[in-house]
Amino acid sequence: MNGQACRNHDGCDKMKAVIQRVLNSSVTVDGKTAGEIEHGYTILLCVINGDSEKEADLLAGKIARLRIFCDKQGKMNLSITDVGGSALVISQFTLCADTKKGNRPSFTDSAEPSEANCLYEYFVGKLSECGISNVQKGIFAADMKVNILNDGPVTIILDTDSWQKSGLK
């Protein structure tokens, strides 16, 4: 996918992901398996208004290099590519929930569905480009049932906005 396919924004850039190290994970839609993996990551991805391929590139690279798998000494020192792990990516607009006012969350910061789907698909492809050999996904905007056997448990929250503000990559 090229830069023409998804708009490029100059607004707030806060693509978010929750990464869970898993022994296995699957997603079903209408009782049918849409994607499933063994050892690897389940990634819940939220595309925010203003996100672009730049944020997807940054996030995918960080996830591919993230060292949260244990080495022979039991230290979290290996990446998903080091261990030959898989990734299951689920689009999750609810990660942008604004709960400051009242008890009903607002999702106005989430990207429009067509834009979010475009960047979601781009991100999935980028993970493969970053060396993750098996990347599965859910079905965008579907009512999905996700089964996750978290390993550890290890759960990491990533937010591209915090990296850009601090100059980290």
N, C-alpha and C. Protein backbone atom coordinates (compact mmCIF):
# COMPACT_ATOMS: atom_id res chain seq x y z
N MET A 1 0.84 -1.17 0.00
CA MET A 1 0.00 0.00 0.00
C MET A 1 0.89 1.23 0.00
N ASN A 2 0.57 2.20 -0.80
CA ASN A 2 1.40 3.40 -0.85
C ASN A 2 0.75 4.54 -0.09
N GLY A 3 1.47 5.62 0.01
CA GLY A 3 1.00 6.78 0.75
C GLY A 3 -0.25 7.40 0.18
N GLN A 4 -0.57 7.11 -1.10
CA GLN A 4 -1.77 7.64 -1.72
C GLN A 4 -3.02 6.98 -1.15
N ALA A 5 -2.90 5.74 -0.73
CA ALA A 5 -4.07 4.97 -0.31
C ALA A 5 -4.65 5.49 1.00
N CYS A 6 -3.83 5.92 1.90
CA CYS A 6 -4.29 6.47 3.18
C CYS A 6 -3.90 7.93 3.23
N ARG A 7 -4.78 8.73 3.77
CA ARG A 7 -4.46 10.15 3.90
C ARG A 7 -3.32 10.35 4.88
N ASN A 8 -2.60 11.42 4.71
CA ASN A 8 -1.55 11.80 5.64
C ASN A 8 -2.05 13.01 6.43
N HIS A 9 -2.03 12.93 7.73
CA HIS A 9 -2.53 14.01 8.58
C HIS A 9 -1.36 14.65 9.32
N ASP A 10 -1.58 15.89 9.69
CA ASP A 10 -0.59 16.58 10.50
C ASP A 10 -1.11 16.84 11.90
N GLY A 11 -2.24 16.25 12.26
CA GLY A 11 -2.85 16.46 13.57
C GLY A 11 -2.18 15.64 14.65
N CYS A 12 -2.94 15.36 15.71
CA CYS A 12 -2.38 14.57 16.81
C CYS A 12 -2.12 13.15 16.32
N ASP A 13 -1.01 12.61 16.72
CA ASP A 13 -0.60 11.28 16.27
C ASP A 13 -0.48 10.37 17.47
N LYS A 14 -1.49 9.53 17.67
CA LYS A 14 -1.51 8.72 18.88
C LYS A 14 -1.92 7.30 18.62
N MET A 15 -1.47 6.68 17.55
CA MET A 15 -1.83 5.29 17.31
C MET A 15 -1.45 4.49 18.55
N LYS A 16 -2.36 3.62 18.98
CA LYS A 16 -2.15 2.87 20.22
C LYS A 16 -2.23 1.38 19.94
N ALA A 17 -1.49 0.63 20.75
CA ALA A 17 -1.57 -0.83 20.67
C ALA A 17 -1.39 -1.42 22.05
N VAL A 18 -2.14 -2.47 22.31
CA VAL A 18 -1.93 -3.29 23.50
C VAL A 18 -1.38 -4.61 22.97
N ILE A 19 -0.17 -4.95 23.44
CA ILE A 19 0.50 -6.17 23.00
C ILE A 19 0.45 -7.17 24.15
N GLN A 20 -0.07 -8.35 23.86
CA GLN A 20 -0.09 -9.41 24.85
C GLN A 20 0.73 -10.58 24.33
N ARG A 21 1.71 -10.98 25.13
CA ARG A 21 2.48 -12.17 24.77
C ARG A 21 1.59 -13.36 25.06
N VAL A 22 1.40 -14.23 24.06
CA VAL A 22 0.43 -15.31 24.20
C VAL A 22 1.03 -16.67 23.87
N LEU A 23 0.44 -17.69 24.48
CA LEU A 23 0.74 -19.07 24.10
C LEU A 23 -0.09 -19.45 22.88
N ASN A 24 -1.32 -18.90 22.83
CA ASN A 24 -2.15 -19.03 21.64
C ASN A 24 -3.26 -18.00 21.72
N SER A 25 -3.85 -17.72 20.57
CA SER A 25 -4.90 -16.72 20.49
C SER A 25 -5.70 -16.97 19.21
N SER A 26 -6.99 -16.67 19.28
CA SER A 26 -7.83 -16.82 18.09
C SER A 26 -8.94 -15.79 18.12
N VAL A 27 -9.49 -15.54 16.95
CA VAL A 27 -10.62 -14.63 16.82
C VAL A 27 -11.66 -15.31 15.94
N THR A 28 -12.92 -15.25 16.41
CA THR A 28 -14.01 -15.82 15.64
C THR A 28 -15.04 -14.73 15.33
N VAL A 29 -15.69 -14.89 14.19
CA VAL A 29 -16.77 -14.01 13.77
C VAL A 29 -17.90 -14.91 13.31
N ASP A 30 -19.06 -14.72 13.88
CA ASP A 30 -20.22 -15.55 13.55
C ASP A 30 -19.91 -17.04 13.68
N GLY A 31 -19.16 -17.40 14.70
CA GLY A 31 -18.84 -18.80 14.98
C GLY A 31 -17.74 -19.40 14.10
N LYS A 32 -17.16 -18.61 13.19
CA LYS A 32 -16.11 -19.11 12.31
C LYS A 32 -14.78 -18.44 12.65
N THR A 33 -13.71 -19.24 12.67
CA THR A 33 -12.39 -18.70 12.99
C THR A 33 -11.91 -17.80 11.85
N ALA A 34 -11.58 -16.56 12.21
CA ALA A 34 -11.06 -15.60 11.23
C ALA A 34 -9.54 -15.60 11.24
N GLY A 35 -8.94 -15.86 12.40
CA GLY A 35 -7.49 -15.91 12.54
C GLY A 35 -7.13 -16.61 13.82
N GLU A 36 -6.00 -17.31 13.81
CA GLU A 36 -5.52 -17.94 15.04
C GLU A 36 -4.02 -18.14 14.95
N ILE A 37 -3.39 -18.04 16.09
CA ILE A 37 -1.94 -18.20 16.18
C ILE A 37 -1.57 -19.05 17.39
N GLU A 38 -0.37 -19.53 17.36
CA GLU A 38 0.23 -20.14 18.54
C GLU A 38 1.15 -19.07 19.13
N HIS A 39 2.21 -19.42 19.74
CA HIS A 39 3.20 -18.57 20.40
C HIS A 39 3.45 -17.25 19.66
N GLY A 40 3.21 -16.14 20.34
CA GLY A 40 3.45 -14.83 19.72
C GLY A 40 2.75 -13.71 20.45
N TYR A 41 2.19 -12.79 19.66
CA TYR A 41 1.51 -11.61 20.20
C TYR A 41 0.07 -11.55 19.72
N THR A 42 -0.81 -11.16 20.61
CA THR A 42 -2.10 -10.64 20.21
C THR A 42 -1.97 -9.13 20.34
N ILE A 43 -2.28 -8.43 19.26
CA ILE A 43 -2.12 -6.98 19.21
C ILE A 43 -3.49 -6.35 19.01
N LEU A 44 -3.91 -5.55 19.98
CA LEU A 44 -5.14 -4.78 19.86
C LEU A 44 -4.72 -3.39 19.38
N LEU A 45 -5.17 -3.01 18.19
CA LEU A 45 -4.70 -1.79 17.53
C LEU A 45 -5.81 -0.75 17.43
N CYS A 46 -5.48 0.48 17.82
CA CYS A 46 -6.42 1.59 17.73
C CYS A 46 -5.83 2.69 16.85
N VAL A 47 -6.55 3.03 15.80
CA VAL A 47 -6.14 4.12 14.91
C VAL A 47 -6.93 5.37 15.32
N ILE A 48 -6.18 6.43 15.59
CA ILE A 48 -6.74 7.68 16.09
C ILE A 48 -6.81 8.70 14.96
N ASN A 49 -7.77 9.64 15.05
CA ASN A 49 -7.81 10.74 14.09
C ASN A 49 -6.44 11.37 13.98
N GLY A 50 -5.97 11.57 12.79
CA GLY A 50 -4.67 12.20 12.58
C GLY A 50 -3.54 11.23 12.35
N ASP A 51 -3.75 9.94 12.59
CA ASP A 51 -2.70 8.95 12.36
C ASP A 51 -2.43 8.80 10.86
N SER A 52 -1.22 8.38 10.56
CA SER A 52 -0.81 8.18 9.17
C SER A 52 0.06 6.94 9.09
N GLU A 53 0.55 6.65 7.91
CA GLU A 53 1.45 5.51 7.72
C GLU A 53 2.72 5.68 8.56
N LYS A 54 3.09 6.91 8.84
CA LYS A 54 4.27 7.18 9.68
C LYS A 54 4.12 6.51 11.05
N GLU A 55 2.96 6.66 11.68
CA GLU A 55 2.72 6.06 12.99
C GLU A 55 2.66 4.53 12.88
N ALA A 56 2.04 4.04 11.82
CA ALA A 56 1.97 2.59 11.61
C ALA A 56 3.37 2.00 11.43
N ASP A 57 4.22 2.68 10.67
CA ASP A 57 5.60 2.23 10.47
C ASP A 57 6.35 2.19 11.80
N LEU A 58 6.22 3.26 12.56
CA LEU A 58 6.90 3.37 13.85
C LEU A 58 6.44 2.28 14.81
N LEU A 59 5.14 2.07 14.90
CA LEU A 59 4.58 1.08 15.82
C LEU A 59 4.94 -0.34 15.40
N ALA A 60 4.83 -0.65 14.13
CA ALA A 60 5.15 -2.00 13.65
C ALA A 60 6.62 -2.33 13.90
N GLY A 61 7.50 -1.37 13.64
CA GLY A 61 8.93 -1.60 13.88
C GLY A 61 9.22 -1.82 15.35
N LYS A 62 8.61 -1.03 16.20
CA LYS A 62 8.81 -1.16 17.64
C LYS A 62 8.32 -2.52 18.13
N ILE A 63 7.16 -2.95 17.66
CA ILE A 63 6.60 -4.23 18.07
C ILE A 63 7.50 -5.38 17.61
N ALA A 64 8.00 -5.32 16.40
CA ALA A 64 8.87 -6.38 15.88
C ALA A 64 10.18 -6.48 16.67
N ARG A 65 10.65 -5.35 17.20
CA ARG A 65 11.92 -5.32 17.95
C ARG A 65 11.75 -5.47 19.45
N LEU A 66 10.52 -5.35 19.95
CA LEU A 66 10.25 -5.40 21.38
C LEU A 66 10.73 -6.73 21.96
N ARG A 67 11.56 -6.65 22.99
CA ARG A 67 12.15 -7.87 23.57
C ARG A 67 11.41 -8.26 24.84
N ILE A 68 10.35 -9.05 24.66
CA ILE A 68 9.57 -9.49 25.82
C ILE A 68 9.41 -11.01 25.87
N PHE A 69 10.20 -11.72 25.07
CA PHE A 69 10.25 -13.18 25.18
C PHE A 69 11.50 -13.55 25.96
N CYS A 70 11.42 -14.62 26.73
CA CYS A 70 12.52 -15.00 27.61
C CYS A 70 13.61 -15.76 26.87
N ASP A 71 14.85 -15.44 27.25
CA ASP A 71 16.00 -16.19 26.74
C ASP A 71 16.23 -17.40 27.65
N LYS A 72 17.32 -18.11 27.43
CA LYS A 72 17.61 -19.32 28.20
C LYS A 72 17.82 -19.05 29.68
N GLN A 73 18.17 -17.82 30.03
CA GLN A 73 18.36 -17.46 31.43
C GLN A 73 17.07 -16.94 32.07
N GLY A 74 15.97 -16.95 31.33
CA GLY A 74 14.70 -16.50 31.86
C GLY A 74 14.50 -15.00 31.83
N LYS A 75 15.38 -14.26 31.17
CA LYS A 75 15.26 -12.81 31.07
C LYS A 75 14.49 -12.45 29.80
N MET A 76 13.64 -11.44 29.90
CA MET A 76 12.95 -10.95 28.71
C MET A 76 13.98 -10.23 27.85
N ASN A 77 14.48 -10.95 26.86
CA ASN A 77 15.60 -10.44 26.07
C ASN A 77 15.47 -10.76 24.59
N LEU A 78 14.37 -11.42 24.18
CA LEU A 78 14.22 -11.84 22.79
C LEU A 78 12.98 -11.19 22.18
N SER A 79 13.06 -10.90 20.89
CA SER A 79 11.94 -10.31 20.17
C SER A 79 11.09 -11.41 19.54
N ILE A 80 9.95 -11.03 19.02
CA ILE A 80 9.07 -11.97 18.34
C ILE A 80 9.75 -12.57 17.11
N THR A 81 10.58 -11.80 16.45
CA THR A 81 11.30 -12.34 15.29
C THR A 81 12.40 -13.30 15.73
N ASP A 82 13.01 -13.06 16.90
CA ASP A 82 14.03 -13.96 17.43
C ASP A 82 13.46 -15.35 17.72
N VAL A 83 12.20 -15.39 18.18
CA VAL A 83 11.61 -16.67 18.57
C VAL A 83 10.70 -17.26 17.48
N GLY A 84 10.60 -16.59 16.34
CA GLY A 84 9.75 -17.09 15.26
C GLY A 84 8.28 -17.07 15.60
N GLY A 85 7.88 -16.09 16.41
CA GLY A 85 6.49 -16.00 16.85
C GLY A 85 5.57 -15.42 15.79
N SER A 86 4.28 -15.59 16.04
CA SER A 86 3.23 -15.09 15.15
C SER A 86 2.53 -13.90 15.80
N ALA A 87 1.72 -13.20 15.00
CA ALA A 87 0.95 -12.07 15.52
C ALA A 87 -0.49 -12.17 15.05
N LEU A 88 -1.41 -11.89 15.95
CA LEU A 88 -2.83 -11.78 15.64
C LEU A 88 -3.21 -10.33 15.93
N VAL A 89 -3.65 -9.61 14.90
CA VAL A 89 -3.95 -8.18 15.04
C VAL A 89 -5.47 -7.98 15.00
N ILE A 90 -5.97 -7.31 16.03
CA ILE A 90 -7.40 -7.04 16.17
C ILE A 90 -7.59 -5.52 16.20
N SER A 91 -8.43 -5.00 15.33
CA SER A 91 -8.75 -3.58 15.36
C SER A 91 -9.63 -3.31 16.58
N GLN A 92 -9.26 -2.30 17.36
CA GLN A 92 -9.97 -2.04 18.62
C GLN A 92 -10.10 -0.54 18.87
N PHE A 93 -11.13 0.07 18.27
CA PHE A 93 -11.31 1.52 18.43
C PHE A 93 -11.59 1.92 19.86
N THR A 94 -12.03 1.00 20.71
CA THR A 94 -12.37 1.35 22.09
C THR A 94 -11.15 1.74 22.92
N LEU A 95 -9.94 1.50 22.41
CA LEU A 95 -8.74 1.92 23.13
C LEU A 95 -8.63 3.44 23.20
N CYS A 96 -9.39 4.15 22.37
CA CYS A 96 -9.33 5.63 22.40
C CYS A 96 -10.46 6.21 23.26
N ALA A 97 -11.10 5.39 24.06
CA ALA A 97 -12.23 5.85 24.87
C ALA A 97 -11.84 7.05 25.73
N ASP A 98 -12.67 8.07 25.69
CA ASP A 98 -12.52 9.24 26.55
C ASP A 98 -13.58 9.11 27.63
N THR A 99 -13.12 8.97 28.87
CA THR A 99 -14.05 8.76 29.99
C THR A 99 -14.03 9.93 30.98
N LYS A 100 -13.54 11.08 30.51
CA LYS A 100 -13.44 12.23 31.42
C LYS A 100 -14.78 12.75 31.89
N LYS A 101 -15.79 12.69 31.01
CA LYS A 101 -17.10 13.24 31.36
C LYS A 101 -18.11 12.12 31.45
N GLY A 102 -18.80 12.05 32.55
CA GLY A 102 -19.87 11.07 32.71
C GLY A 102 -19.39 9.64 32.74
N ASN A 103 -20.32 8.73 32.51
CA ASN A 103 -20.03 7.30 32.61
C ASN A 103 -20.10 6.58 31.27
N ARG A 104 -20.48 7.31 30.23
CA ARG A 104 -20.54 6.70 28.90
C ARG A 104 -19.32 7.17 28.11
N PRO A 105 -18.45 6.25 27.69
CA PRO A 105 -17.24 6.65 26.97
C PRO A 105 -17.56 7.31 25.63
N SER A 106 -16.71 8.23 25.26
CA SER A 106 -16.79 8.87 23.95
C SER A 106 -15.66 8.31 23.08
N PHE A 107 -15.96 8.09 21.82
CA PHE A 107 -14.96 7.54 20.89
C PHE A 107 -14.69 8.51 19.74
N THR A 108 -14.90 9.79 19.99
CA THR A 108 -14.75 10.78 18.92
C THR A 108 -13.31 10.92 18.43
N ASP A 109 -12.34 10.47 19.20
CA ASP A 109 -10.95 10.55 18.77
C ASP A 109 -10.56 9.44 17.81
N SER A 110 -11.39 8.42 17.66
CA SER A 110 -11.04 7.32 16.76
C SER A 110 -11.17 7.79 15.31
N ALA A 111 -10.35 7.23 14.47
CA ALA A 111 -10.38 7.59 13.05
C ALA A 111 -11.67 7.11 12.42
N GLU A 112 -12.07 7.78 11.36
CA GLU A 112 -13.24 7.34 10.59
C GLU A 112 -13.01 5.90 10.13
N PRO A 113 -14.05 5.08 10.07
CA PRO A 113 -13.86 3.66 9.74
C PRO A 113 -13.06 3.38 8.47
N SER A 114 -13.31 4.09 7.39
CA SER A 114 -12.57 3.80 6.15
C SER A 114 -11.09 4.10 6.32
N GLU A 115 -10.78 5.19 6.99
CA GLU A 115 -9.38 5.55 7.24
C GLU A 115 -8.73 4.57 8.21
N ALA A 116 -9.46 4.22 9.27
CA ALA A 116 -8.93 3.28 10.26
C ALA A 116 -8.65 1.92 9.62
N ASN A 117 -9.56 1.45 8.77
CA ASN A 117 -9.36 0.16 8.11
C ASN A 117 -8.16 0.21 7.18
N CYS A 118 -8.00 1.30 6.48
CA CYS A 118 -6.85 1.46 5.59
C CYS A 118 -5.54 1.35 6.36
N LEU A 119 -5.44 2.07 7.48
CA LEU A 119 -4.21 2.03 8.28
C LEU A 119 -4.05 0.71 9.01
N TYR A 120 -5.14 0.08 9.41
CA TYR A 120 -5.10 -1.25 10.02
C TYR A 120 -4.48 -2.24 9.04
N GLU A 121 -4.97 -2.26 7.81
CA GLU A 121 -4.44 -3.17 6.78
C GLU A 121 -2.97 -2.86 6.48
N TYR A 122 -2.65 -1.58 6.42
CA TYR A 122 -1.26 -1.17 6.20
C TYR A 122 -0.36 -1.69 7.32
N PHE A 123 -0.81 -1.51 8.56
CA PHE A 123 -0.07 -1.96 9.73
C PHE A 123 0.17 -3.47 9.70
N VAL A 124 -0.85 -4.24 9.36
CA VAL A 124 -0.72 -5.70 9.26
C VAL A 124 0.37 -6.06 8.25
N GLY A 125 0.36 -5.41 7.09
CA GLY A 125 1.39 -5.64 6.09
C GLY A 125 2.77 -5.23 6.56
N LYS A 126 2.83 -4.15 7.31
CA LYS A 126 4.11 -3.65 7.82
C LYS A 126 4.73 -4.63 8.81
N LEU A 127 3.91 -5.28 9.64
CA LEU A 127 4.44 -6.29 10.57
C LEU A 127 5.16 -7.40 9.80
N SER A 128 4.56 -7.82 8.70
CA SER A 128 5.20 -8.85 7.86
C SER A 128 6.52 -8.33 7.30
N GLU A 129 6.52 -7.09 6.82
CA GLU A 129 7.75 -6.48 6.30
C GLU A 129 8.83 -6.39 7.37
N CYS A 130 8.43 -6.27 8.62
CA CYS A 130 9.38 -6.16 9.73
C CYS A 130 9.89 -7.52 10.21
N GLY A 131 9.48 -8.59 9.53
CA GLY A 131 10.04 -9.90 9.83
C GLY A 131 9.16 -10.88 10.58
N ILE A 132 7.94 -10.50 10.89
CA ILE A 132 7.03 -11.44 11.55
C ILE A 132 6.40 -12.28 10.44
N SER A 133 6.75 -13.56 10.41
CA SER A 133 6.39 -14.40 9.26
C SER A 133 4.92 -14.79 9.19
N ASN A 134 4.25 -14.91 10.33
CA ASN A 134 2.83 -15.29 10.32
C ASN A 134 2.03 -14.20 11.01
N VAL A 135 1.33 -13.40 10.22
CA VAL A 135 0.49 -12.34 10.77
C VAL A 135 -0.95 -12.63 10.37
N GLN A 136 -1.79 -12.85 11.38
CA GLN A 136 -3.21 -13.11 11.19
C GLN A 136 -3.98 -11.87 11.65
N LYS A 137 -5.25 -11.82 11.30
CA LYS A 137 -6.04 -10.66 11.71
C LYS A 137 -7.49 -11.04 11.91
N GLY A 138 -8.18 -10.13 12.58
CA GLY A 138 -9.62 -10.26 12.73
C GLY A 138 -10.29 -9.66 11.51
N ILE A 139 -11.57 -9.42 11.63
CA ILE A 139 -12.33 -8.79 10.55
C ILE A 139 -12.73 -7.40 11.02
N PHE A 140 -12.25 -6.41 10.32
CA PHE A 140 -12.46 -5.03 10.71
C PHE A 140 -13.94 -4.73 10.89
N ALA A 141 -14.28 -4.09 12.00
CA ALA A 141 -15.63 -3.61 12.34
C ALA A 141 -16.64 -4.73 12.60
N ALA A 142 -16.17 -5.97 12.65
CA ALA A 142 -17.09 -7.08 12.95
C ALA A 142 -17.23 -7.24 14.46
N ASP A 143 -18.27 -7.94 14.87
CA ASP A 143 -18.44 -8.34 16.26
C ASP A 143 -17.59 -9.59 16.45
N MET A 144 -16.42 -9.41 17.06
CA MET A 144 -15.44 -10.49 17.16
C MET A 144 -15.40 -11.04 18.58
N LYS A 145 -15.13 -12.31 18.67
CA LYS A 145 -14.88 -12.98 19.94
C LYS A 145 -13.41 -13.38 19.92
N VAL A 146 -12.65 -12.83 20.87
CA VAL A 146 -11.21 -13.05 20.90
C VAL A 146 -10.86 -13.93 22.08
N ASN A 147 -10.17 -15.01 21.82
CA ASN A 147 -9.71 -15.94 22.85
C ASN A 147 -8.20 -15.76 22.99
N ILE A 148 -7.76 -15.39 24.18
CA ILE A 148 -6.35 -15.09 24.42
C ILE A 148 -5.85 -15.89 25.62
N LEU A 149 -4.79 -16.67 25.41
CA LEU A 149 -4.11 -17.32 26.52
C LEU A 149 -2.81 -16.55 26.73
N ASN A 150 -2.89 -15.54 27.61
CA ASN A 150 -1.76 -14.65 27.87
C ASN A 150 -0.66 -15.43 28.56
N ASP A 151 0.56 -15.22 28.14
CA ASP A 151 1.74 -15.91 28.66
C ASP A 151 2.48 -15.00 29.62
N GLY A 152 2.45 -15.32 30.89
CA GLY A 152 3.21 -14.53 31.88
C GLY A 152 2.38 -14.18 33.10
N PRO A 153 1.40 -13.33 33.03
CA PRO A 153 0.96 -12.57 31.87
C PRO A 153 1.91 -11.42 31.55
N VAL A 154 2.08 -11.17 30.27
CA VAL A 154 2.86 -10.03 29.80
C VAL A 154 1.95 -9.22 28.88
N THR A 155 1.69 -7.99 29.29
CA THR A 155 0.86 -7.07 28.51
C THR A 155 1.56 -5.71 28.49
N ILE A 156 1.77 -5.19 27.29
CA ILE A 156 2.49 -3.92 27.10
C ILE A 156 1.58 -2.97 26.33
N ILE A 157 1.50 -1.72 26.78
CA ILE A 157 0.74 -0.70 26.07
C ILE A 157 1.72 0.23 25.37
N LEU A 158 1.52 0.40 24.06
CA LEU A 158 2.37 1.28 23.26
C LEU A 158 1.53 2.41 22.69
N ASP A 159 2.12 3.60 22.66
CA ASP A 159 1.43 4.81 22.20
C ASP A 159 2.44 5.64 21.43
N THR A 160 2.24 5.81 20.13
CA THR A 160 3.23 6.52 19.32
C THR A 160 3.37 7.98 19.70
N ASP A 161 2.35 8.57 20.28
CA ASP A 161 2.41 9.98 20.67
C ASP A 161 3.51 10.21 21.70
N SER A 162 3.63 9.32 22.69
CA SER A 162 4.64 9.50 23.73
C SER A 162 6.05 9.38 23.16
N TRP A 163 6.25 8.52 22.16
CA TRP A 163 7.59 8.39 21.56
C TRP A 163 7.96 9.61 20.76
N GLN A 164 6.99 10.14 20.01
CA GLN A 164 7.28 11.29 19.17
C GLN A 164 7.60 12.52 20.00
N LYS A 165 6.90 12.68 21.12
CA LYS A 165 7.16 13.82 21.99
C LYS A 165 8.54 13.74 22.64
N SER A 166 8.99 12.51 22.92
CA SER A 166 10.29 12.36 23.57
C SER A 166 11.42 12.10 22.57
N GLY A 167 11.08 11.95 21.29
CA GLY A 167 12.10 11.71 20.27
C GLY A 167 12.55 10.26 20.21
N LEU A 168 11.87 9.35 20.90
CA LEU A 168 12.24 7.93 20.88
C LEU A 168 11.73 7.24 19.64
N LYS A 169 12.40 6.13 19.29
CA LYS A 169 11.96 5.30 18.17
C LYS A 169 12.01 3.86 18.53
